[in-house]
Amino acid sequence: MSPGFKILVGMRVRLRKMHPCGNDEWVVSRTGADIGMTCARCGRHVLLDREEFERRVKLVVETPDPSKAAPSTGE
């Protein structure tokens, strides 16, 4: 993937290396300086810095529909 692509909460991504549980798909649960991800198979939660995340992503499997996202609370 190209560096600097848009990362959204709810996005499903496939990483270059397999997780020990045998899965390679993750769901983004947090964005910012660090990217929080949850394994789509076992539920393990990990944090990667943005640069490492962009380097490890092989494919964006699914992008959430922004029109269905909850409105921002402004916090």
Protein backbone atom coordinates (compact mmCIF):
# COMPACT_ATOMS: atom_id res chain seq x y z
CA MET A 1 0.00 0.00 0.00
CA SER A 2 1.11 3.55 -0.57
CA PRO A 3 2.17 5.51 2.51
CA GLY A 4 -0.29 8.09 3.76
CA PHE A 5 -3.50 6.33 2.65
CA LYS A 6 -6.73 7.14 4.53
CA ILE A 7 -7.18 4.96 7.62
CA LEU A 8 -10.71 4.70 9.03
CA VAL A 9 -12.12 2.99 12.13
CA GLY A 10 -13.92 -0.18 11.03
CA MET A 11 -11.64 -0.75 8.03
CA ARG A 12 -10.67 -4.42 7.47
CA VAL A 13 -7.08 -4.90 6.34
CA ARG A 14 -4.91 -7.87 5.43
CA LEU A 15 -1.35 -7.75 6.78
CA ARG A 16 1.77 -9.23 5.22
CA LYS A 17 2.45 -11.67 8.08
CA MET A 18 0.03 -14.11 9.69
CA HIS A 19 -1.03 -13.72 13.32
CA PRO A 20 -0.13 -16.75 15.51
CA CYS A 21 -3.82 -17.76 15.52
CA GLY A 22 -3.55 -18.31 11.74
CA ASN A 23 -5.46 -15.21 10.60
CA ASP A 24 -4.17 -12.29 8.55
CA GLU A 25 -7.23 -9.98 8.65
CA TRP A 26 -7.58 -7.18 11.20
CA VAL A 27 -10.23 -4.54 11.96
CA VAL A 28 -9.01 -1.00 12.72
CA SER A 29 -10.40 0.08 16.10
CA ARG A 30 -8.46 3.30 16.70
CA THR A 31 -6.64 5.88 14.60
CA GLY A 32 -4.15 8.59 15.50
CA ALA A 33 -0.40 8.47 16.01
CA ASP A 34 -0.89 4.79 16.87
CA ILE A 35 -3.29 2.50 15.01
CA GLY A 36 -5.31 0.08 17.14
CA MET A 37 -6.32 -3.19 15.49
CA THR A 38 -8.36 -6.21 16.55
CA CYS A 39 -7.75 -9.65 15.06
CA ALA A 40 -10.84 -10.70 13.09
CA ARG A 41 -10.44 -14.31 14.27
CA CYS A 42 -9.29 -14.37 17.90
CA GLY A 43 -10.08 -10.82 19.04
CA ARG A 44 -6.54 -9.93 20.16
CA HIS A 45 -6.00 -6.14 20.27
CA VAL A 46 -2.65 -4.59 19.27
CA LEU A 47 -1.27 -1.10 18.71
CA LEU A 48 1.17 -0.23 15.91
CA ASP A 49 2.63 3.16 15.17
CA ARG A 50 1.27 4.63 11.93
CA GLU A 51 4.48 4.10 9.95
CA GLU A 52 4.71 0.42 10.94
CA PHE A 53 1.00 -0.11 10.16
CA GLU A 54 1.35 1.39 6.65
CA ARG A 55 4.40 -0.79 6.00
CA ARG A 56 2.65 -4.02 7.11
CA VAL A 57 -0.67 -3.57 5.26
CA LYS A 58 -0.88 -5.69 2.12
CA LEU A 59 -4.52 -5.11 1.15
CA VAL A 60 -7.57 -3.13 2.28
CA VAL A 61 -10.31 -5.79 2.34
CA GLU A 62 -13.25 -3.57 3.30
CA THR A 63 -13.73 0.14 3.91
CA PRO A 64 -16.60 1.29 6.13
CA ASP A 65 -19.33 3.43 4.59
CA PRO A 66 -18.82 6.96 6.04
CA SER A 67 -22.53 7.77 5.65
CA LYS A 68 -23.38 5.00 8.17
CA ALA A 69 -20.79 6.14 10.72
CA ALA A 70 -21.93 7.61 14.02
CA PRO A 71 -21.79 11.41 14.15
CA SER A 72 -18.77 12.93 15.87
CA THR A 73 -19.32 14.14 19.44
CA GLY A 74 -16.60 16.79 19.16
CA GLU A 75 -14.59 15.55 22.13
